[in-house]
PDB file of all heavy atoms in Angstrom:
ATOM      1  N   GLU A   1      24.083 -75.607  54.162  1.00  0.00           N
ATOM      2  CA  GLU A   1      25.531 -75.532  54.280  1.00  0.00           C
ATOM      3  C   GLU A   1      26.201 -76.445  53.256  1.00  0.00           C
ATOM      4  O   GLU A   1      27.252 -76.099  52.689  1.00  0.00           O
ATOM      5  CB  GLU A   1      25.955 -75.935  55.697  1.00  0.00           C
ATOM      6  CG  GLU A   1      27.463 -75.895  55.933  1.00  0.00           C
ATOM      7  CD  GLU A   1      28.084 -74.526  55.716  1.00  0.00           C
ATOM      8  OE1 GLU A   1      27.376 -73.508  55.890  1.00  0.00           O
ATOM      9  OE2 GLU A   1      29.274 -74.478  55.351  1.00  0.00           O
ATOM     10  N   VAL A   2      25.597 -77.595  52.994  1.00  0.00           N
ATOM     11  CA  VAL A   2      26.126 -78.510  51.972  1.00  0.00           C
ATOM     12  C   VAL A   2      26.112 -77.830  50.606  1.00  0.00           C
ATOM     13  O   VAL A   2      27.101 -77.869  49.864  1.00  0.00           O
ATOM     14  CB  VAL A   2      25.300 -79.817  51.926  1.00  0.00           C
ATOM     15  CG1 VAL A   2      25.751 -80.694  50.748  1.00  0.00           C
ATOM     16  CG2 VAL A   2      25.447 -80.582  53.229  1.00  0.00           C
ATOM     17  N   ALA A   3      24.986 -77.192  50.269  1.00  0.00           N
ATOM     18  CA  ALA A   3      24.869 -76.516  48.977  1.00  0.00           C
ATOM     19  C   ALA A   3      25.892 -75.390  48.843  1.00  0.00           C
ATOM     20  O   ALA A   3      26.421 -75.137  47.758  1.00  0.00           O
ATOM     21  CB  ALA A   3      23.454 -75.964  48.813  1.00  0.00           C
ATOM     22  N   HIS A   4      26.202 -74.739  49.969  1.00  0.00           N
ATOM     23  CA  HIS A   4      27.138 -73.616  49.936  1.00  0.00           C
ATOM     24  C   HIS A   4      28.589 -74.074  49.902  1.00  0.00           C
ATOM     25  O   HIS A   4      29.403 -73.549  49.129  1.00  0.00           O
ATOM     26  CB  HIS A   4      26.906 -72.725  51.157  1.00  0.00           C
ATOM     27  CG  HIS A   4      27.824 -71.542  51.236  1.00  0.00           C
ATOM     28  ND1 HIS A   4      29.006 -71.554  51.958  1.00  0.00           N
ATOM     29  CD2 HIS A   4      27.752 -70.321  50.659  1.00  0.00           C
ATOM     30  CE1 HIS A   4      29.612 -70.394  51.828  1.00  0.00           C
ATOM     31  NE2 HIS A   4      28.859 -69.618  51.046  1.00  0.00           N
ATOM     32  N   SER A   5      28.931 -75.054  50.733  1.00  0.00           N
ATOM     33  CA  SER A   5      30.337 -75.424  50.918  1.00  0.00           C
ATOM     34  C   SER A   5      30.798 -76.599  50.059  1.00  0.00           C
ATOM     35  O   SER A   5      31.950 -76.629  49.622  1.00  0.00           O
ATOM     36  CB  SER A   5      30.594 -75.750  52.399  1.00  0.00           C
ATOM     37  OG  SER A   5      30.255 -74.660  53.224  1.00  0.00           O
ATOM     38  N   THR A   6      29.893 -77.556  49.818  1.00  0.00           N
ATOM     39  CA  THR A   6      30.289 -78.745  49.044  1.00  0.00           C
ATOM     40  C   THR A   6      29.229 -79.063  47.992  1.00  0.00           C
ATOM     41  O   THR A   6      28.571 -80.109  48.042  1.00  0.00           O
ATOM     42  CB  THR A   6      30.496 -79.957  49.968  1.00  0.00           C
ATOM     43  OG1 THR A   6      29.320 -80.142  50.782  1.00  0.00           O
ATOM     44  CG2 THR A   6      31.702 -79.774  50.861  1.00  0.00           C
ATOM     45  N   PRO A   7      29.038 -78.165  47.024  1.00  0.00           N
ATOM     46  CA  PRO A   7      27.995 -78.384  46.015  1.00  0.00           C
ATOM     47  C   PRO A   7      28.212 -79.636  45.176  1.00  0.00           C
ATOM     48  O   PRO A   7      27.263 -80.141  44.568  1.00  0.00           O
ATOM     49  CB  PRO A   7      28.073 -77.111  45.155  1.00  0.00           C
ATOM     50  CG  PRO A   7      29.445 -76.576  45.381  1.00  0.00           C
ATOM     51  CD  PRO A   7      29.777 -76.915  46.802  1.00  0.00           C
ATOM     52  N   GLU A   8      29.443 -80.143  45.155  1.00  0.00           N
ATOM     53  CA  GLU A   8      29.704 -81.362  44.376  1.00  0.00           C
ATOM     54  C   GLU A   8      28.982 -82.582  44.950  1.00  0.00           C
ATOM     55  O   GLU A   8      28.840 -83.610  44.260  1.00  0.00           O
ATOM     56  CB  GLU A   8      31.215 -81.634  44.312  1.00  0.00           C
ATOM     57  CG  GLU A   8      31.870 -82.039  45.625  1.00  0.00           C
ATOM     58  CD  GLU A   8      32.241 -80.868  46.528  1.00  0.00           C
ATOM     59  OE1 GLU A   8      31.927 -79.717  46.152  1.00  0.00           O
ATOM     60  OE2 GLU A   8      32.842 -81.111  47.599  1.00  0.00           O
ATOM     61  N   LYS A   9      28.505 -82.468  46.186  1.00  0.00           N
ATOM     62  CA  LYS A   9      27.776 -83.579  46.800  1.00  0.00           C
ATOM     63  C   LYS A   9      26.294 -83.592  46.401  1.00  0.00           C
ATOM     64  O   LYS A   9      25.543 -84.440  46.859  1.00  0.00           O
ATOM     65  CB  LYS A   9      27.897 -83.511  48.324  1.00  0.00           C
ATOM     66  CG  LYS A   9      29.318 -83.760  48.833  1.00  0.00           C
ATOM     67  CD  LYS A   9      29.376 -83.746  50.351  1.00  0.00           C
ATOM     68  CE  LYS A   9      30.788 -84.036  50.838  1.00  0.00           C
ATOM     69  NZ  LYS A   9      30.881 -84.017  52.320  1.00  0.00           N
ATOM     70  N   ILE A  10      25.896 -82.638  45.576  1.00  0.00           N
ATOM     71  CA  ILE A  10      24.524 -82.567  45.091  1.00  0.00           C
ATOM     72  C   ILE A  10      24.513 -82.847  43.596  1.00  0.00           C
ATOM     73  O   ILE A  10      25.214 -82.197  42.823  1.00  0.00           O
ATOM     74  CB  ILE A  10      23.912 -81.181  45.380  1.00  0.00           C
ATOM     75  CG1 ILE A  10      23.913 -80.907  46.882  1.00  0.00           C
ATOM     76  CG2 ILE A  10      22.497 -81.090  44.816  1.00  0.00           C
ATOM     77  CD1 ILE A  10      23.433 -79.516  47.262  1.00  0.00           C
ATOM     78  N   ARG A  11      23.729 -83.841  43.186  1.00  0.00           N
ATOM     79  CA  ARG A  11      23.659 -84.242  41.779  1.00  0.00           C
ATOM     80  C   ARG A  11      22.285 -83.898  41.219  1.00  0.00           C
ATOM     81  O   ARG A  11      21.271 -84.011  41.905  1.00  0.00           O
ATOM     82  CB  ARG A  11      23.925 -85.737  41.636  1.00  0.00           C
ATOM     83  CG  ARG A  11      25.317 -86.142  42.102  1.00  0.00           C
ATOM     84  CD  ARG A  11      25.502 -87.648  42.046  1.00  0.00           C
ATOM     85  NE  ARG A  11      25.323 -88.182  40.699  1.00  0.00           N
ATOM     86  CZ  ARG A  11      25.441 -89.478  40.391  1.00  0.00           C
ATOM     87  NH1 ARG A  11      25.715 -90.360  41.346  1.00  0.00           N
ATOM     88  NH2 ARG A  11      25.273 -89.889  39.152  1.00  0.00           N
ATOM     89  N   THR A  12      22.271 -83.481  39.944  1.00  0.00           N
ATOM     90  CA  THR A  12      21.025 -83.088  39.293  1.00  0.00           C
ATOM     91  C   THR A  12      20.934 -83.739  37.917  1.00  0.00           C
ATOM     92  O   THR A  12      21.922 -83.788  37.185  1.00  0.00           O
ATOM     93  CB  THR A  12      20.951 -81.559  39.137  1.00  0.00           C
ATOM     94  OG1 THR A  12      21.085 -80.939  40.419  1.00  0.00           O
ATOM     95  CG2 THR A  12      19.631 -81.128  38.520  1.00  0.00           C
ATOM     96  N   PHE A  13      19.756 -84.232  37.580  1.00  0.00           N
ATOM     97  CA  PHE A  13      19.523 -84.730  36.218  1.00  0.00           C
ATOM     98  C   PHE A  13      18.056 -84.513  35.861  1.00  0.00           C
ATOM     99  O   PHE A  13      17.178 -84.527  36.728  1.00  0.00           O
ATOM    100  CB  PHE A  13      19.910 -86.199  36.070  1.00  0.00           C
ATOM    101  CG  PHE A  13      19.067 -87.160  36.854  1.00  0.00           C
ATOM    102  CD1 PHE A  13      17.904 -87.701  36.321  1.00  0.00           C
ATOM    103  CD2 PHE A  13      19.423 -87.524  38.148  1.00  0.00           C
ATOM    104  CE1 PHE A  13      17.123 -88.574  37.049  1.00  0.00           C
ATOM    105  CE2 PHE A  13      18.644 -88.401  38.892  1.00  0.00           C
ATOM    106  CZ  PHE A  13      17.485 -88.936  38.338  1.00  0.00           C
ATOM    107  N   ALA A  14      17.792 -84.274  34.580  1.00  0.00           N
ATOM    108  CA  ALA A  14      16.442 -83.975  34.106  1.00  0.00           C
ATOM    109  C   ALA A  14      15.819 -85.193  33.445  1.00  0.00           C
ATOM    110  O   ALA A  14      16.517 -86.107  32.983  1.00  0.00           O
ATOM    111  CB  ALA A  14      16.477 -82.803  33.135  1.00  0.00           C
ATOM    112  N   VAL A  15      14.481 -85.183  33.389  1.00  0.00           N
ATOM    113  CA  VAL A  15      13.725 -86.264  32.760  1.00  0.00           C
ATOM    114  C   VAL A  15      13.137 -85.754  31.455  1.00  0.00           C
ATOM    115  O   VAL A  15      12.470 -84.706  31.427  1.00  0.00           O
ATOM    116  CB  VAL A  15      12.592 -86.750  33.688  1.00  0.00           C
ATOM    117  CG1 VAL A  15      11.761 -87.829  32.988  1.00  0.00           C
ATOM    118  CG2 VAL A  15      13.166 -87.278  34.993  1.00  0.00           C
ATOM    119  N   ASP A  16      13.378 -86.481  30.360  1.00  0.00           N
ATOM    120  CA  ASP A  16      12.839 -86.113  29.053  1.00  0.00           C
ATOM    121  C   ASP A  16      11.321 -86.308  29.084  1.00  0.00           C
ATOM    122  O   ASP A  16      10.845 -87.421  29.326  1.00  0.00           O
ATOM    123  CB  ASP A  16      13.457 -86.989  27.971  1.00  0.00           C
ATOM    124  CG  ASP A  16      13.093 -86.523  26.560  1.00  0.00           C
ATOM    125  OD1 ASP A  16      12.045 -85.858  26.400  1.00  0.00           O
ATOM    126  OD2 ASP A  16      13.849 -86.827  25.619  1.00  0.00           O
ATOM    127  N   PRO A  17      10.536 -85.248  28.843  1.00  0.00           N
ATOM    128  CA  PRO A  17       9.076 -85.411  28.892  1.00  0.00           C
ATOM    129  C   PRO A  17       8.529 -86.350  27.819  1.00  0.00           C
ATOM    130  O   PRO A  17       7.416 -86.856  27.944  1.00  0.00           O
ATOM    131  CB  PRO A  17       8.559 -83.981  28.701  1.00  0.00           C
ATOM    132  CG  PRO A  17       9.673 -83.253  28.017  1.00  0.00           C
ATOM    133  CD  PRO A  17      10.931 -83.864  28.530  1.00  0.00           C
ATOM    134  N   ALA A  18       9.320 -86.579  26.768  1.00  0.00           N
ATOM    135  CA  ALA A  18       8.872 -87.487  25.710  1.00  0.00           C
ATOM    136  C   ALA A  18       8.813 -88.932  26.203  1.00  0.00           C
ATOM    137  O   ALA A  18       7.988 -89.728  25.735  1.00  0.00           O
ATOM    138  CB  ALA A  18       9.796 -87.393  24.500  1.00  0.00           C
ATOM    139  N   THR A  19       9.675 -89.276  27.134  1.00  0.00           N
ATOM    140  CA  THR A  19       9.688 -90.647  27.664  1.00  0.00           C
ATOM    141  C   THR A  19       9.036 -90.732  29.039  1.00  0.00           C
ATOM    142  O   THR A  19       8.508 -91.769  29.418  1.00  0.00           O
ATOM    143  CB  THR A  19      11.133 -91.170  27.786  1.00  0.00           C
ATOM    144  OG1 THR A  19      11.846 -90.385  28.766  1.00  0.00           O
ATOM    145  CG2 THR A  19      11.845 -91.085  26.444  1.00  0.00           C
ATOM    146  N   GLY A  20       9.063 -89.631  29.774  1.00  0.00           N
ATOM    147  CA  GLY A  20       8.591 -89.679  31.150  1.00  0.00           C
ATOM    148  C   GLY A  20       9.572 -90.441  32.021  1.00  0.00           C
ATOM    149  O   GLY A  20      10.714 -90.722  31.619  1.00  0.00           O
ATOM    150  N   PHE A  21       9.138 -90.769  33.232  1.00  0.00           N
ATOM    151  CA  PHE A  21      10.007 -91.486  34.166  1.00  0.00           C
ATOM    152  C   PHE A  21      10.248 -92.905  33.665  1.00  0.00           C
ATOM    153  O   PHE A  21       9.312 -93.634  33.336  1.00  0.00           O
ATOM    154  CB  PHE A  21       9.364 -91.519  35.551  1.00  0.00           C
ATOM    155  CG  PHE A  21      10.260 -92.069  36.619  1.00  0.00           C
ATOM    156  CD1 PHE A  21      11.084 -91.237  37.353  1.00  0.00           C
ATOM    157  CD2 PHE A  21      10.291 -93.435  36.891  1.00  0.00           C
ATOM    158  CE1 PHE A  21      11.911 -91.727  38.343  1.00  0.00           C
ATOM    159  CE2 PHE A  21      11.115 -93.950  37.877  1.00  0.00           C
ATOM    160  CZ  PHE A  21      11.938 -93.095  38.603  1.00  0.00           C
ATOM    161  N   MET A  22      11.518 -93.296  33.601  1.00  0.00           N
ATOM    162  CA  MET A  22      11.919 -94.622  33.132  1.00  0.00           C
ATOM    163  C   MET A  22      12.721 -95.320  34.230  1.00  0.00           C
ATOM    164  O   MET A  22      13.237 -94.675  35.148  1.00  0.00           O
ATOM    165  CB  MET A  22      12.754 -94.500  31.863  1.00  0.00           C
ATOM    166  CG  MET A  22      12.023 -93.826  30.696  1.00  0.00           C
ATOM    167  SD  MET A  22      10.687 -94.836  30.042  1.00  0.00           S
ATOM    168  CE  MET A  22      11.644 -96.052  29.127  1.00  0.00           C
ATOM    169  N   PRO A  23      12.862 -96.653  34.149  1.00  0.00           N
ATOM    170  CA  PRO A  23      13.626 -97.381  35.175  1.00  0.00           C
ATOM    171  C   PRO A  23      15.025 -96.826  35.414  1.00  0.00           C
ATOM    172  O   PRO A  23      15.503 -96.815  36.550  1.00  0.00           O
ATOM    173  CB  PRO A  23      13.665 -98.807  34.628  1.00  0.00           C
ATOM    174  CG  PRO A  23      12.402 -98.930  33.828  1.00  0.00           C
ATOM    175  CD  PRO A  23      12.212 -97.588  33.200  1.00  0.00           C
ATOM    176  N   HIS A  24      15.670 -96.345  34.349  1.00  0.00           N
ATOM    177  CA  HIS A  24      17.039 -95.841  34.549  1.00  0.00           C
ATOM    178  C   HIS A  24      17.066 -94.557  35.379  1.00  0.00           C
ATOM    179  O   HIS A  24      18.073 -94.248  36.020  1.00  0.00           O
ATOM    180  CB  HIS A  24      17.759 -95.639  33.205  1.00  0.00           C
ATOM    181  CG  HIS A  24      17.242 -94.484  32.391  1.00  0.00           C
ATOM    182  ND1 HIS A  24      16.206 -94.609  31.494  1.00  0.00           N
ATOM    183  CD2 HIS A  24      17.623 -93.178  32.339  1.00  0.00           C
ATOM    184  CE1 HIS A  24      15.981 -93.450  30.918  1.00  0.00           C
ATOM    185  NE2 HIS A  24      16.823 -92.556  31.414  1.00  0.00           N
ATOM    186  N   HIS A  25      15.954 -93.827  35.392  1.00  0.00           N
ATOM    187  CA  HIS A  25      15.896 -92.651  36.257  1.00  0.00           C
ATOM    188  C   HIS A  25      15.881 -93.085  37.728  1.00  0.00           C
ATOM    189  O   HIS A  25      16.520 -92.458  38.583  1.00  0.00           O
ATOM    190  CB  HIS A  25      14.656 -91.815  35.949  1.00  0.00           C
ATOM    191  CG  HIS A  25      14.662 -91.186  34.596  1.00  0.00           C
ATOM    192  ND1 HIS A  25      13.663 -91.386  33.662  1.00  0.00           N
ATOM    193  CD2 HIS A  25      15.575 -90.375  33.985  1.00  0.00           C
ATOM    194  CE1 HIS A  25      13.943 -90.711  32.563  1.00  0.00           C
ATOM    195  NE2 HIS A  25      15.100 -90.087  32.732  1.00  0.00           N
ATOM    196  N   GLY A  26      15.129 -94.132  38.007  1.00  0.00           N
ATOM    197  CA  GLY A  26      15.111 -94.669  39.366  1.00  0.00           C
ATOM    198  C   GLY A  26      16.478 -95.154  39.802  1.00  0.00           C
ATOM    199  O   GLY A  26      16.901 -94.922  40.945  1.00  0.00           O
ATOM    200  N   ARG A  27      17.181 -95.810  38.877  1.00  0.00           N
ATOM    201  CA  ARG A  27      18.538 -96.288  39.206  1.00  0.00           C
ATOM    202  C   ARG A  27      19.487 -95.114  39.420  1.00  0.00           C
ATOM    203  O   ARG A  27      20.390 -95.180  40.266  1.00  0.00           O
ATOM    204  CB  ARG A  27      19.052 -97.205  38.093  1.00  0.00           C
ATOM    205  CG  ARG A  27      18.299 -98.534  37.996  1.00  0.00           C
ATOM    206  CD  ARG A  27      19.024 -99.529  37.107  1.00  0.00           C
ATOM    207  NE  ARG A  27      19.004 -99.125  35.709  1.00  0.00           N
ATOM    208  CZ  ARG A  27      18.052 -99.454  34.836  1.00  0.00           C
ATOM    209  NH1 ARG A  27      17.021-100.198  35.231  1.00  0.00           N
ATOM    210  NH2 ARG A  27      18.124 -99.069  33.575  1.00  0.00           N
ATOM    211  N   ALA A  28      19.275 -94.022  38.665  1.00  0.00           N
ATOM    212  CA  ALA A  28      20.132 -92.841  38.825  1.00  0.00           C
ATOM    213  C   ALA A  28      19.933 -92.216  40.200  1.00  0.00           C
ATOM    214  O   ALA A  28      20.892 -91.761  40.839  1.00  0.00           O
ATOM    215  CB  ALA A  28      19.833 -91.817  37.732  1.00  0.00           C
ATOM    216  N   VAL A  29      18.682 -92.184  40.676  1.00  0.00           N
ATOM    217  CA  VAL A  29      18.417 -91.661  42.015  1.00  0.00           C
ATOM    218  C   VAL A  29      19.083 -92.539  43.063  1.00  0.00           C
ATOM    219  O   VAL A  29      19.754 -92.048  43.985  1.00  0.00           O
ATOM    220  CB  VAL A  29      16.895 -91.571  42.279  1.00  0.00           C
ATOM    221  CG1 VAL A  29      16.614 -91.300  43.759  1.00  0.00           C
ATOM    222  CG2 VAL A  29      16.270 -90.481  41.421  1.00  0.00           C
ATOM    223  N   ALA A  30      18.926 -93.859  42.922  1.00  0.00           N
ATOM    224  CA  ALA A  30      19.538 -94.788  43.876  1.00  0.00           C
ATOM    225  C   ALA A  30      21.052 -94.638  43.891  1.00  0.00           C
ATOM    226  O   ALA A  30      21.687 -94.642  44.954  1.00  0.00           O
ATOM    227  CB  ALA A  30      19.141 -96.218  43.539  1.00  0.00           C
ATOM    228  N   ALA A  31      21.645 -94.493  42.699  1.00  0.00           N
ATOM    229  CA  ALA A  31      23.101 -94.327  42.615  1.00  0.00           C
ATOM    230  C   ALA A  31      23.534 -93.016  43.258  1.00  0.00           C
ATOM    231  O   ALA A  31      24.564 -92.952  43.938  1.00  0.00           O
ATOM    232  CB  ALA A  31      23.541 -94.376  41.152  1.00  0.00           C
ATOM    233  N   GLY A  32      22.725 -91.956  43.055  1.00  0.00           N
ATOM    234  CA  GLY A  32      23.055 -90.666  43.659  1.00  0.00           C
ATOM    235  C   GLY A  32      23.000 -90.692  45.172  1.00  0.00           C
ATOM    236  O   GLY A  32      23.670 -89.901  45.837  1.00  0.00           O
TER     237      GLY A  32
END
């Protein structure tokens, strides 16, 4: 229902395979 009615509450970001998972990705998840 969230995805249907309030999609703005869902955040998406991709990880560059050249760097892999970096600390800022973890912070982005925490912020989200």
